[in-house]
C-alpha atoms as a PDB file:
ATOM      1  CA  MET A   1     141.838 -44.184  60.986  1.00  0.00           C
ATOM      2  CA  ASP A   2     141.068 -47.454  59.221  1.00  0.00           C
ATOM      3  CA  PRO A   3     137.539 -48.157  57.885  1.00  0.00           C
ATOM      4  CA  LYS A   4     136.434 -50.027  61.024  1.00  0.00           C
ATOM      5  CA  GLU A   5     137.585 -47.203  63.297  1.00  0.00           C
ATOM      6  CA  ARG A   6     135.735 -44.686  61.135  1.00  0.00           C
ATOM      7  CA  LEU A   7     132.647 -46.903  61.231  1.00  0.00           C
ATOM      8  CA  ALA A   8     132.785 -47.114  65.029  1.00  0.00           C
ATOM      9  CA  LEU A   9     132.962 -43.323  65.243  1.00  0.00           C
ATOM     10  CA  ILE A  10     129.948 -42.884  62.957  1.00  0.00           C
ATOM     11  CA  LYS A  11     127.982 -45.535  64.881  1.00  0.00           C
ATOM     12  CA  ARG A  12     128.513 -43.748  68.201  1.00  0.00           C
ATOM     13  CA  ASN A  13     125.105 -42.768  69.622  1.00  0.00           C
ATOM     14  CA  CYS A  14     123.348 -43.880  66.411  1.00  0.00           C
ATOM     15  CA  GLN A  15     120.014 -45.675  66.468  1.00  0.00           C
ATOM     16  CA  GLU A  16     119.971 -47.120  62.949  1.00  0.00           C
ATOM     17  CA  ILE A  17     122.085 -47.320  59.784  1.00  0.00           C
ATOM     18  CA  VAL A  18     120.579 -48.491  56.499  1.00  0.00           C
ATOM     19  CA  THR A  19     122.724 -50.338  55.810  1.00  0.00           C
ATOM     20  CA  GLU A  20     125.862 -50.844  57.896  1.00  0.00           C
ATOM     21  CA  ALA A  21     127.353 -53.175  55.265  1.00  0.00           C
ATOM     22  CA  GLU A  22     126.974 -50.455  52.616  1.00  0.00           C
ATOM     23  CA  LEU A  23     128.563 -47.925  54.946  1.00  0.00           C
ATOM     24  CA  LEU A  24     131.584 -50.131  55.639  1.00  0.00           C
ATOM     25  CA  LYS A  25     132.031 -50.690  51.885  1.00  0.00           C
ATOM     26  CA  LEU A  26     131.855 -46.934  51.286  1.00  0.00           C
ATOM     27  CA  LEU A  27     134.480 -46.304  53.961  1.00  0.00           C
ATOM     28  CA  THR A  28     136.699 -48.975  52.429  1.00  0.00           C
ATOM     29  CA  ASP A  29     136.312 -47.860  48.818  1.00  0.00           C
ATOM     30  CA  LYS A  30     136.158 -44.061  49.020  1.00  0.00           C
ATOM     31  CA  LYS A  31     138.818 -41.870  50.578  1.00  0.00           C
ATOM     32  CA  LYS A  32     136.585 -38.826  51.136  1.00  0.00           C
ATOM     33  CA  PRO A  33     132.889 -39.717  51.135  1.00  0.00           C
ATOM     34  CA  SER A  34     130.194 -37.107  51.700  1.00  0.00           C
ATOM     35  CA  VAL A  35     127.165 -36.760  53.962  1.00  0.00           C
ATOM     36  CA  TYR A  36     124.428 -34.213  54.426  1.00  0.00           C
ATOM     37  CA  LEU A  37     121.936 -33.250  57.074  1.00  0.00           C
ATOM     38  CA  GLY A  38     119.074 -30.880  56.361  1.00  0.00           C
ATOM     39  CA  THR A  39     117.410 -28.673  58.929  1.00  0.00           C
ATOM     40  CA  ALA A  40     114.316 -26.673  58.005  1.00  0.00           C
ATOM     41  CA  VAL A  41     114.360 -23.090  59.261  1.00  0.00           C
ATOM     42  CA  THR A  42     111.258 -23.364  61.439  1.00  0.00           C
ATOM     43  CA  GLY A  43     111.458 -22.843  65.225  1.00  0.00           C
ATOM     44  CA  ARG A  44     114.420 -21.340  67.078  1.00  0.00           C
ATOM     45  CA  PRO A  45     117.350 -23.769  67.367  1.00  0.00           C
ATOM     46  CA  HIS A  46     117.648 -25.323  70.834  1.00  0.00           C
ATOM     47  CA  ILE A  47     120.112 -27.524  72.702  1.00  0.00           C
ATOM     48  CA  GLY A  48     118.662 -30.682  71.104  1.00  0.00           C
ATOM     49  CA  TYR A  49     120.424 -29.581  67.911  1.00  0.00           C
ATOM     50  CA  PHE A  50     123.720 -30.468  69.614  1.00  0.00           C
ATOM     51  CA  VAL A  51     122.888 -34.149  68.978  1.00  0.00           C
ATOM     52  CA  TRP A  52     123.284 -33.751  65.223  1.00  0.00           C
ATOM     53  CA  VAL A  53     126.043 -31.150  65.517  1.00  0.00           C
ATOM     54  CA  LEU A  54     128.105 -33.732  67.407  1.00  0.00           C
ATOM     55  CA  LYS A  55     127.259 -36.487  64.922  1.00  0.00           C
ATOM     56  CA  LEU A  56     128.301 -34.266  62.009  1.00  0.00           C
ATOM     57  CA  ALA A  57     131.488 -33.571  63.983  1.00  0.00           C
ATOM     58  CA  ASP A  58     132.024 -37.357  64.093  1.00  0.00           C
ATOM     59  CA  PHE A  59     131.621 -37.507  60.317  1.00  0.00           C
ATOM     60  CA  LEU A  60     134.179 -34.704  59.984  1.00  0.00           C
ATOM     61  CA  LYS A  61     136.637 -36.623  62.204  1.00  0.00           C
ATOM     62  CA  ALA A  62     136.026 -39.719  60.079  1.00  0.00           C
ATOM     63  CA  GLY A  63     137.230 -37.856  56.982  1.00  0.00           C
ATOM     64  CA  PHE A  64     133.906 -36.920  55.387  1.00  0.00           C
ATOM     65  CA  LYS A  65     132.944 -33.880  53.410  1.00  0.00           C
ATOM     66  CA  VAL A  66     129.940 -32.644  55.402  1.00  0.00           C
ATOM     67  CA  LYS A  67     127.152 -30.566  53.881  1.00  0.00           C
ATOM     68  CA  LEU A  68     124.685 -28.859  56.179  1.00  0.00           C
ATOM     69  CA  LEU A  69     121.528 -27.898  54.318  1.00  0.00           C
ATOM     70  CA  LEU A  70     119.704 -24.900  55.741  1.00  0.00           C
ATOM     71  CA  ALA A  71     116.414 -25.751  54.118  1.00  0.00           C
ATOM     72  CA  ASP A  72     114.648 -22.423  53.745  1.00  0.00           C
ATOM     73  CA  LEU A  73     112.047 -23.622  51.245  1.00  0.00           C
ATOM     74  CA  HIS A  74     111.346 -26.664  53.413  1.00  0.00           C
ATOM     75  CA  GLY A  75     110.699 -24.221  56.246  1.00  0.00           C
ATOM     76  CA  ALA A  76     108.015 -22.542  54.133  1.00  0.00           C
ATOM     77  CA  LEU A  77     106.522 -25.919  53.205  1.00  0.00           C
ATOM     78  CA  ASP A  78     106.238 -26.669  56.927  1.00  0.00           C
ATOM     79  CA  ASN A  79     104.329 -23.478  57.764  1.00  0.00           C
ATOM     80  CA  CYS A  80     107.096 -20.911  58.242  1.00  0.00           C
ATOM     81  CA  PRO A  81     105.626 -17.590  56.980  1.00  0.00           C
ATOM     82  CA  TRP A  82     107.239 -16.549  53.696  1.00  0.00           C
ATOM     83  CA  ASP A  83     107.861 -13.004  54.918  1.00  0.00           C
ATOM     84  CA  VAL A  84     110.206 -14.138  57.725  1.00  0.00           C
ATOM     85  CA  LEU A  85     111.876 -16.971  55.839  1.00  0.00           C
ATOM     86  CA  GLU A  86     115.044 -15.033  54.992  1.00  0.00           C
ATOM     87  CA  LYS A  87     115.396 -13.730  58.562  1.00  0.00           C
ATOM     88  CA  ARG A  88     115.139 -17.251  59.918  1.00  0.00           C
ATOM     89  CA  TYR A  89     117.714 -18.493  57.425  1.00  0.00           C
ATOM     90  CA  GLU A  90     120.119 -15.710  58.433  1.00  0.00           C
ATOM     91  CA  TYR A  91     119.685 -16.584  62.119  1.00  0.00           C
ATOM     92  CA  TYR A  92     120.369 -20.287  61.533  1.00  0.00           C
ATOM     93  CA  ASN A  93     123.366 -19.404  59.376  1.00  0.00           C
ATOM     94  CA  LYS A  94     124.780 -17.370  62.258  1.00  0.00           C
ATOM     95  CA  VAL A  95     124.133 -19.604  65.288  1.00  0.00           C
ATOM     96  CA  ILE A  96     124.762 -23.110  63.953  1.00  0.00           C
ATOM     97  CA  PRO A  97     128.472 -22.552  63.151  1.00  0.00           C
ATOM     98  CA  MET A  98     128.759 -21.286  66.731  1.00  0.00           C
ATOM     99  CA  MET A  99     127.372 -24.625  67.935  1.00  0.00           C
ATOM    100  CA  PHE A 100     130.177 -26.458  66.121  1.00  0.00           C
ATOM    101  CA  LYS A 101     132.687 -24.113  67.750  1.00  0.00           C
ATOM    102  CA  ALA A 102     131.121 -24.785  71.175  1.00  0.00           C
ATOM    103  CA  VAL A 103     131.860 -28.529  70.855  1.00  0.00           C
ATOM    104  CA  GLY A 104     135.377 -27.938  69.514  1.00  0.00           C
ATOM    105  CA  ALA A 105     134.734 -29.309  66.007  1.00  0.00           C
ATOM    106  CA  ASP A 106     137.108 -28.731  63.102  1.00  0.00           C
ATOM    107  CA  ILE A 107     134.787 -27.340  60.407  1.00  0.00           C
ATOM    108  CA  SER A 108     137.309 -27.015  57.582  1.00  0.00           C
ATOM    109  CA  ASN A 109     135.380 -29.692  55.641  1.00  0.00           C
ATOM    110  CA  LEU A 110     131.906 -28.353  56.512  1.00  0.00           C
ATOM    111  CA  GLU A 111     129.883 -26.600  53.831  1.00  0.00           C
ATOM    112  CA  ILE A 112     126.655 -24.773  54.643  1.00  0.00           C
ATOM    113  CA  VAL A 113     124.196 -24.806  51.738  1.00  0.00           C
ATOM    114  CA  LYS A 114     121.049 -22.706  51.384  1.00  0.00           C
ATOM    115  CA  GLY A 115     118.240 -24.840  49.980  1.00  0.00           C
ATOM    116  CA  SER A 116     116.855 -22.252  47.569  1.00  0.00           C
ATOM    117  CA  SER A 117     120.333 -21.801  46.056  1.00  0.00           C
ATOM    118  CA  TYR A 118     119.708 -24.907  43.918  1.00  0.00           C
ATOM    119  CA  GLN A 119     116.079 -25.920  44.547  1.00  0.00           C
ATOM    120  CA  ASN A 120     114.883 -23.108  42.277  1.00  0.00           C
ATOM    121  CA  ASP A 121     116.803 -24.613  39.353  1.00  0.00           C
ATOM    122  CA  PRO A 122     114.554 -25.703  36.399  1.00  0.00           C
ATOM    123  CA  LYS A 123     116.170 -29.181  36.342  1.00  0.00           C
ATOM    124  CA  TYR A 124     115.398 -29.682  40.026  1.00  0.00           C
ATOM    125  CA  PHE A 125     111.792 -28.647  39.450  1.00  0.00           C
ATOM    126  CA  LEU A 126     111.478 -31.023  36.506  1.00  0.00           C
ATOM    127  CA  ASP A 127     112.824 -33.875  38.649  1.00  0.00           C
ATOM    128  CA  LEU A 128     110.344 -32.927  41.363  1.00  0.00           C
ATOM    129  CA  LEU A 129     107.516 -33.263  38.826  1.00  0.00           C
ATOM    130  CA  LYS A 130     108.922 -36.605  37.650  1.00  0.00           C
ATOM    131  CA  LEU A 131     109.063 -37.851  41.232  1.00  0.00           C
ATOM    132  CA  SER A 132     105.481 -36.688  41.819  1.00  0.00           C
ATOM    133  CA  THR A 133     104.309 -38.902  38.932  1.00  0.00           C
ATOM    134  CA  LYS A 134     105.847 -41.928  40.688  1.00  0.00           C
ATOM    135  CA  THR A 135     104.529 -41.128  44.174  1.00  0.00           C
ATOM    136  CA  SER A 136     101.007 -41.692  45.453  1.00  0.00           C
ATOM    137  CA  ILE A 137      99.381 -39.181  47.814  1.00  0.00           C
ATOM    138  CA  HIS A 138      99.254 -41.959  50.421  1.00  0.00           C
ATOM    139  CA  ASP A 139     103.002 -42.635  50.183  1.00  0.00           C
ATOM    140  CA  ALA A 140     103.922 -38.937  50.256  1.00  0.00           C
ATOM    141  CA  LYS A 141     101.772 -38.326  53.334  1.00  0.00           C
ATOM    142  CA  ARG A 142     103.108 -41.418  55.046  1.00  0.00           C
ATOM    143  CA  ALA A 143     106.707 -40.366  54.342  1.00  0.00           C
ATOM    144  CA  GLY A 144     106.212 -36.942  55.892  1.00  0.00           C
ATOM    145  CA  SER A 145     103.915 -37.971  58.739  1.00  0.00           C
ATOM    146  CA  GLU A 146     106.549 -37.816  61.518  1.00  0.00           C
ATOM    147  CA  VAL A 147     108.094 -34.550  60.322  1.00  0.00           C
ATOM    148  CA  VAL A 148     105.503 -32.312  58.668  1.00  0.00           C
ATOM    149  CA  LYS A 149     102.747 -30.626  60.686  1.00  0.00           C
ATOM    150  CA  PHE A 150      99.755 -31.768  58.602  1.00  0.00           C
ATOM    151  CA  GLY A 151      96.928 -30.802  60.988  1.00  0.00           C
ATOM    152  CA  ASP A 152      93.216 -31.409  60.369  1.00  0.00           C
ATOM    153  CA  ASN A 153      93.201 -29.775  56.943  1.00  0.00           C
ATOM    154  CA  PRO A 154      96.590 -30.707  55.389  1.00  0.00           C
ATOM    155  CA  LYS A 155      98.274 -28.408  52.870  1.00  0.00           C
ATOM    156  CA  LEU A 156      99.614 -29.728  49.578  1.00  0.00           C
ATOM    157  CA  SER A 157     103.010 -28.350  50.632  1.00  0.00           C
ATOM    158  CA  GLY A 158     103.334 -31.098  53.240  1.00  0.00           C
ATOM    159  CA  LEU A 159     103.206 -33.719  50.494  1.00  0.00           C
ATOM    160  CA  VAL A 160     105.902 -31.925  48.468  1.00  0.00           C
ATOM    161  CA  TYR A 161     108.253 -31.776  51.457  1.00  0.00           C
ATOM    162  CA  PRO A 162     109.461 -35.438  51.463  1.00  0.00           C
ATOM    163  CA  LEU A 163     109.862 -35.472  47.673  1.00  0.00           C
ATOM    164  CA  MET A 164     112.207 -32.494  47.841  1.00  0.00           C
ATOM    165  CA  GLN A 165     114.143 -34.011  50.739  1.00  0.00           C
ATOM    166  CA  ALA A 166     114.712 -37.146  48.674  1.00  0.00           C
ATOM    167  CA  LEU A 167     115.906 -35.113  45.669  1.00  0.00           C
ATOM    168  CA  ASP A 168     118.332 -33.202  47.884  1.00  0.00           C
ATOM    169  CA  GLU A 169     120.461 -36.348  48.193  1.00  0.00           C
ATOM    170  CA  GLU A 170     121.090 -36.255  44.441  1.00  0.00           C
ATOM    171  CA  TYR A 171     121.501 -32.503  44.033  1.00  0.00           C
ATOM    172  CA  LEU A 172     123.888 -32.229  46.968  1.00  0.00           C
ATOM    173  CA  ASP A 173     125.861 -35.121  45.442  1.00  0.00           C
ATOM    174  CA  VAL A 174     126.296 -37.051  48.681  1.00  0.00           C
ATOM    175  CA  ASP A 175     126.774 -40.696  49.652  1.00  0.00           C
ATOM    176  CA  ILE A 176     124.799 -40.502  52.904  1.00  0.00           C
ATOM    177  CA  GLN A 177     121.854 -38.640  54.326  1.00  0.00           C
ATOM    178  CA  TYR A 178     121.838 -38.289  58.103  1.00  0.00           C
ATOM    179  CA  GLY A 179     118.881 -37.310  60.259  1.00  0.00           C
ATOM    180  CA  GLY A 180     116.942 -38.019  63.420  1.00  0.00           C
ATOM    181  CA  VAL A 181     114.940 -41.232  63.636  1.00  0.00           C
ATOM    182  CA  ASP A 182     111.781 -39.132  63.143  1.00  0.00           C
ATOM    183  CA  GLN A 183     113.020 -38.714  59.548  1.00  0.00           C
ATOM    184  CA  ARG A 184     113.068 -42.470  58.952  1.00  0.00           C
ATOM    185  CA  LYS A 185     110.027 -42.649  56.693  1.00  0.00           C
ATOM    186  CA  ILE A 186     111.392 -39.891  54.457  1.00  0.00           C
ATOM    187  CA  LEU A 187     114.818 -41.542  54.310  1.00  0.00           C
ATOM    188  CA  MET A 188     113.290 -44.887  53.372  1.00  0.00           C
ATOM    189  CA  TYR A 189     111.114 -43.127  50.792  1.00  0.00           C
ATOM    190  CA  ALA A 190     114.283 -41.649  49.253  1.00  0.00           C
ATOM    191  CA  ARG A 191     115.953 -45.071  49.064  1.00  0.00           C
ATOM    192  CA  GLU A 192     112.929 -46.557  47.321  1.00  0.00           C
ATOM    193  CA  TYR A 193     111.912 -43.730  45.003  1.00  0.00           C
ATOM    194  CA  LEU A 194     115.097 -42.049  43.746  1.00  0.00           C
ATOM    195  CA  PRO A 195     115.940 -45.105  41.593  1.00  0.00           C
ATOM    196  CA  LYS A 196     112.488 -44.749  39.961  1.00  0.00           C
ATOM    197  CA  ILE A 197     113.711 -41.556  38.261  1.00  0.00           C
ATOM    198  CA  GLY A 198     117.191 -42.853  37.484  1.00  0.00           C
ATOM    199  CA  TYR A 199     119.171 -41.863  40.574  1.00  0.00           C
ATOM    200  CA  LYS A 200     120.981 -44.143  43.011  1.00  0.00           C
ATOM    201  CA  SER A 201     119.794 -44.809  46.551  1.00  0.00           C
ATOM    202  CA  ARG A 202     121.929 -43.576  49.427  1.00  0.00           C
ATOM    203  CA  ILE A 203     122.970 -44.844  52.846  1.00  0.00           C
ATOM    204  CA  GLU A 204     120.748 -43.495  55.619  1.00  0.00           C
ATOM    205  CA  VAL A 205     122.044 -42.816  59.140  1.00  0.00           C
ATOM    206  CA  MET A 206     119.769 -41.975  62.093  1.00  0.00           C
ATOM    207  CA  THR A 207     120.236 -40.845  65.682  1.00  0.00           C
ATOM    208  CA  PRO A 208     117.523 -41.051  68.375  1.00  0.00           C
ATOM    209  CA  LEU A 209     115.268 -38.191  69.437  1.00  0.00           C
ATOM    210  CA  LEU A 210     115.864 -36.901  72.938  1.00  0.00           C
ATOM    211  CA  PRO A 211     112.972 -36.704  75.392  1.00  0.00           C
ATOM    212  CA  GLY A 212     112.029 -33.145  76.270  1.00  0.00           C
ATOM    213  CA  LEU A 213     112.545 -31.730  79.723  1.00  0.00           C
ATOM    214  CA  ILE A 214     108.833 -32.241  80.327  1.00  0.00           C
ATOM    215  CA  GLY A 215     109.003 -35.892  79.293  1.00  0.00           C
ATOM    216  CA  GLU A 216     108.098 -35.512  75.614  1.00  0.00           C
ATOM    217  CA  LYS A 217     110.071 -34.907  72.418  1.00  0.00           C
ATOM    218  CA  MET A 218     112.281 -31.841  72.665  1.00  0.00           C
ATOM    219  CA  SER A 219     110.428 -29.400  70.435  1.00  0.00           C
ATOM    220  CA  ALA A 220     111.280 -25.991  69.010  1.00  0.00           C
ATOM    221  CA  SER A 221     107.585 -25.081  69.196  1.00  0.00           C
ATOM    222  CA  ASP A 222     107.217 -25.854  72.934  1.00  0.00           C
ATOM    223  CA  PRO A 223     109.397 -23.464  74.970  1.00  0.00           C
ATOM    224  CA  ASN A 224     108.937 -25.528  78.132  1.00  0.00           C
ATOM    225  CA  SER A 225     110.334 -28.690  76.546  1.00  0.00           C
ATOM    226  CA  LYS A 226     113.673 -27.235  75.503  1.00  0.00           C
ATOM    227  CA  ILE A 227     116.466 -24.844  76.347  1.00  0.00           C
ATOM    228  CA  ASP A 228     117.124 -22.147  73.764  1.00  0.00           C
ATOM    229  CA  LEU A 229     120.672 -21.514  72.577  1.00  0.00           C
ATOM    230  CA  LEU A 230     120.437 -17.962  73.926  1.00  0.00           C
ATOM    231  CA  ASP A 231     119.250 -18.889  77.421  1.00  0.00           C
ATOM    232  CA  GLY A 232     121.613 -17.580  80.099  1.00  0.00           C
ATOM    233  CA  SER A 233     122.862 -19.724  82.982  1.00  0.00           C
ATOM    234  CA  LYS A 234     120.097 -18.567  85.377  1.00  0.00           C
ATOM    235  CA  LYS A 235     117.386 -19.453  82.867  1.00  0.00           C
ATOM    236  CA  VAL A 236     119.060 -22.788  82.110  1.00  0.00           C
ATOM    237  CA  LEU A 237     119.103 -23.678  85.812  1.00  0.00           C
ATOM    238  CA  LYS A 238     115.487 -22.541  86.242  1.00  0.00           C
ATOM    239  CA  LYS A 239     114.325 -24.750  83.351  1.00  0.00           C
ATOM    240  CA  LEU A 240     116.360 -27.726  84.556  1.00  0.00           C
ATOM    241  CA  ARG A 241     114.913 -27.373  88.047  1.00  0.00           C
ATOM    242  CA  LYS A 242     111.410 -27.747  86.515  1.00  0.00           C
ATOM    243  CA  ALA A 243     112.377 -30.738  84.358  1.00  0.00           C
ATOM    244  CA  ASP A 244     110.731 -34.131  84.811  1.00  0.00           C
ATOM    245  CA  CYS A 245     113.336 -36.187  86.638  1.00  0.00           C
ATOM    246  CA  VAL A 246     111.722 -38.753  88.943  1.00  0.00           C
ATOM    247  CA  GLU A 247     114.165 -40.247  91.419  1.00  0.00           C
ATOM    248  CA  GLY A 248     115.481 -43.597  90.199  1.00  0.00           C
ATOM    249  CA  VAL A 249     113.587 -43.471  86.878  1.00  0.00           C
ATOM    250  CA  VAL A 250     115.843 -43.645  83.807  1.00  0.00           C
ATOM    251  CA  GLU A 251     113.293 -44.271  81.032  1.00  0.00           C
ATOM    252  CA  GLY A 252     112.088 -41.100  79.302  1.00  0.00           C
ATOM    253  CA  ASN A 253     114.351 -38.926  81.461  1.00  0.00           C
ATOM    254  CA  GLY A 254     115.301 -35.912  79.320  1.00  0.00           C
ATOM    255  CA  VAL A 255     118.074 -34.803  81.679  1.00  0.00           C
ATOM    256  CA  LEU A 256     119.831 -38.181  81.500  1.00  0.00           C
ATOM    257  CA  ALA A 257     119.275 -38.387  77.731  1.00  0.00           C
ATOM    258  CA  PHE A 258     120.980 -35.043  77.157  1.00  0.00           C
ATOM    259  CA  LEU A 259     123.847 -36.064  79.415  1.00  0.00           C
ATOM    260  CA  LYS A 260     124.332 -39.297  77.476  1.00  0.00           C
ATOM    261  CA  HIS A 261     124.111 -37.988  73.932  1.00  0.00           C
ATOM    262  CA  VAL A 262     125.664 -34.536  74.300  1.00  0.00           C
ATOM    263  CA  VAL A 263     127.490 -33.797  77.542  1.00  0.00           C
ATOM    264  CA  PHE A 264     129.388 -37.084  77.803  1.00  0.00           C
ATOM    265  CA  THR A 265     130.234 -37.090  74.102  1.00  0.00           C
ATOM    266  CA  VAL A 266     131.924 -33.701  74.550  1.00  0.00           C
ATOM    267  CA  LEU A 267     133.609 -34.717  77.836  1.00  0.00           C
ATOM    268  CA  GLU A 268     134.899 -38.046  76.507  1.00  0.00           C
ATOM    269  CA  ASP A 269     136.404 -36.384  73.440  1.00  0.00           C
ATOM    270  CA  ALA A 270     138.121 -33.863  75.718  1.00  0.00           C
ATOM    271  CA  GLY A 271     139.249 -36.564  78.177  1.00  0.00           C
ATOM    272  CA  GLU A 272     137.343 -34.901  81.026  1.00  0.00           C
ATOM    273  CA  LYS A 273     135.026 -36.143  83.793  1.00  0.00           C
ATOM    274  CA  PHE A 274     131.505 -35.034  84.641  1.00  0.00           C
ATOM    275  CA  VAL A 275     131.716 -33.113  87.913  1.00  0.00           C
ATOM    276  CA  ILE A 276     128.728 -32.067  89.994  1.00  0.00           C
ATOM    277  CA  GLU A 277     129.714 -29.296  92.375  1.00  0.00           C
ATOM    278  CA  ARG A 278     128.171 -29.527  95.843  1.00  0.00           C
ATOM    279  CA  PRO A 279     128.898 -27.801  99.194  1.00  0.00           C
ATOM    280  CA  GLU A 280     130.912 -29.866 101.657  1.00  0.00           C
ATOM    281  CA  LYS A 281     127.925 -30.005 104.027  1.00  0.00           C
ATOM    282  CA  TYR A 282     126.068 -32.035 101.368  1.00  0.00           C
ATOM    283  CA  GLY A 283     128.961 -34.400 100.762  1.00  0.00           C
ATOM    284  CA  GLY A 284     131.160 -32.328  98.453  1.00  0.00           C
ATOM    285  CA  ASP A 285     131.653 -32.648  94.701  1.00  0.00           C
ATOM    286  CA  LEU A 286     130.684 -35.776  92.763  1.00  0.00           C
ATOM    287  CA  SER A 287     132.752 -37.020  89.823  1.00  0.00           C
ATOM    288  CA  PHE A 288     131.787 -39.510  87.091  1.00  0.00           C
ATOM    289  CA  GLY A 289     134.042 -40.882  84.362  1.00  0.00           C
ATOM    290  CA  THR A 290     131.300 -42.375  82.176  1.00  0.00           C
ATOM    291  CA  TYR A 291     127.602 -41.943  81.508  1.00  0.00           C
ATOM    292  CA  VAL A 292     126.991 -45.529  82.656  1.00  0.00           C
ATOM    293  CA  GLU A 293     128.259 -44.548  86.118  1.00  0.00           C
ATOM    294  CA  VAL A 294     125.787 -41.650  86.269  1.00  0.00           C
ATOM    295  CA  GLU A 295     122.834 -43.745  85.129  1.00  0.00           C
ATOM    296  CA  SER A 296     123.696 -46.536  87.552  1.00  0.00           C
ATOM    297  CA  ALA A 297     123.981 -44.149  90.506  1.00  0.00           C
ATOM    298  CA  PHE A 298     120.702 -42.460  89.569  1.00  0.00           C
ATOM    299  CA  ALA A 299     118.850 -45.763  89.105  1.00  0.00           C
ATOM    300  CA  LYS A 300     120.063 -46.923  92.533  1.00  0.00           C
ATOM    301  CA  LYS A 301     118.915 -43.590  94.021  1.00  0.00           C
ATOM    302  CA  GLU A 302     122.489 -42.822  95.032  1.00  0.00           C
ATOM    303  CA  LEU A 303     122.374 -39.648  92.910  1.00  0.00           C
ATOM    304  CA  HIS A 304     119.635 -37.183  93.827  1.00  0.00           C
ATOM    305  CA  PRO A 305     117.594 -35.598  90.993  1.00  0.00           C
ATOM    306  CA  LEU A 306     118.494 -32.077  92.184  1.00  0.00           C
ATOM    307  CA  ASP A 307     122.216 -32.848  92.057  1.00  0.00           C
ATOM    308  CA  LEU A 308     121.791 -34.349  88.598  1.00  0.00           C
ATOM    309  CA  LYS A 309     119.882 -31.270  87.390  1.00  0.00           C
ATOM    310  CA  ASN A 310     122.443 -28.881  88.845  1.00  0.00           C
ATOM    311  CA  GLY A 311     125.321 -30.736  87.206  1.00  0.00           C
ATOM    312  CA  CYS A 312     123.563 -30.902  83.854  1.00  0.00           C
ATOM    313  CA  ALA A 313     122.654 -27.204  84.039  1.00  0.00           C
ATOM    314  CA  ALA A 314     126.295 -26.285  84.636  1.00  0.00           C
ATOM    315  CA  ALA A 315     127.417 -28.424  81.672  1.00  0.00           C
ATOM    316  CA  ILE A 316     124.768 -26.878  79.385  1.00  0.00           C
ATOM    317  CA  SER A 317     125.700 -23.351  80.479  1.00  0.00           C
ATOM    318  CA  LYS A 318     129.326 -24.098  79.667  1.00  0.00           C
ATOM    319  CA  LEU A 319     128.322 -25.193  76.148  1.00  0.00           C
ATOM    320  CA  LEU A 320     126.174 -22.095  75.689  1.00  0.00           C
ATOM    321  CA  SER A 321     128.913 -19.751  76.920  1.00  0.00           C
ATOM    322  CA  GLU A 322     129.970 -19.601  73.254  1.00  0.00           C
ATOM    323  CA  PHE A 323     126.911 -17.381  72.705  1.00  0.00           C
ATOM    324  CA  ASP A 324     127.534 -15.025  75.661  1.00  0.00           C
ATOM    325  CA  LYS A 325     129.335 -12.223  73.861  1.00  0.00           C
ATOM    326  CA  ASP A 326     126.868 -12.138  70.951  1.00  0.00           C
ATOM    327  CA  ARG A 327     123.670 -12.859  72.903  1.00  0.00           C
ATOM    328  CA  GLU A 328     122.239  -9.329  72.645  1.00  0.00           C
ATOM    329  CA  LYS A 329     122.896  -9.092  68.900  1.00  0.00           C
ATOM    330  CA  LEU A 330     121.483 -12.575  68.300  1.00  0.00           C
ATOM    331  CA  GLU A 331     118.354 -11.789  70.313  1.00  0.00           C
ATOM    332  CA  LYS A 332     117.761  -8.786  68.063  1.00  0.00           C
ATOM    333  CA  MET A 333     118.119 -11.042  65.022  1.00  0.00           C
ATOM    334  CA  ALA A 334     115.574 -13.428  66.515  1.00  0.00           C
ATOM    335  CA  GLU A 335     113.075 -10.898  67.882  1.00  0.00           C
ATOM    336  CA  ASN A 336     110.687 -11.425  64.938  1.00  0.00           C
ATOM    337  CA  PHE A 337     111.517 -15.108  64.674  1.00  0.00           C
ATOM    338  CA  GLU A 338     108.202 -16.436  65.917  1.00  0.00           C
ATOM    339  CA  HIS A 339     105.980 -14.157  63.841  1.00  0.00           C
END
């Protein structure tokens, strides 16, 4: 792949790149650049995580060294109880590689890093103190406002969170940080503040947040808004049947959003079509080659919401079939996850 082809792959389904010119230069100048995404070990991973799994898979295809940070200490800073922190880390460490396998990604250049493996280092702590002397309380709170659960009586930990996330770019020795667009304020904080303590700014890549099935952000803390990785096909179908999916309405439609950003990405890479199975008495199976065809048919009310939900449920269940054989063992790992 030449630099422009690699750029096109990275841009797929992205919402913003700061900056695209810097990214193209990196792809031109460096044979094997590096990127990281951090995920705090808070709520149980759900199908929304496939958005960033697929984007990291794109980075892998584009020749990147990919580092996935399982941010255990960040989990504690964002209200994960300390006594279950290690259990949550172990669960994430088990299920997330399975997500990459489910989408057919080659993970030979993927490295999973535990946050506390280097964040407890004295040099890191000294840099954190240095960064705190450059950062106002207002700027720290603003940076974390879309990510950290501050509440009515905010903890000091929420202000530390974005400072550590910025430092992670340097200590993971990467060229790019990637995250959801809800991370934007932290990513822009990192670009502005790392140079204040002598480190270079990085390129920041963001993908959009998917609407939840109930019409809001897909959230690990709201079981009705998301489908868990361990949900079986019956539960998946039950949740999809309850999803907000008003006939003809595309905006804010979580079912369509998941189809666009996850299902069709997987299908297009595999050279397959999206097929909705229906009995002959209801017109037989429907087949779509692109997401645009699905959205157009739905907007014109040529595709019924129930058919759309059924097709999406089948596609999700196929993705989650990777977890079938280990579901019982994984459920045992996660049984104390919420406590």
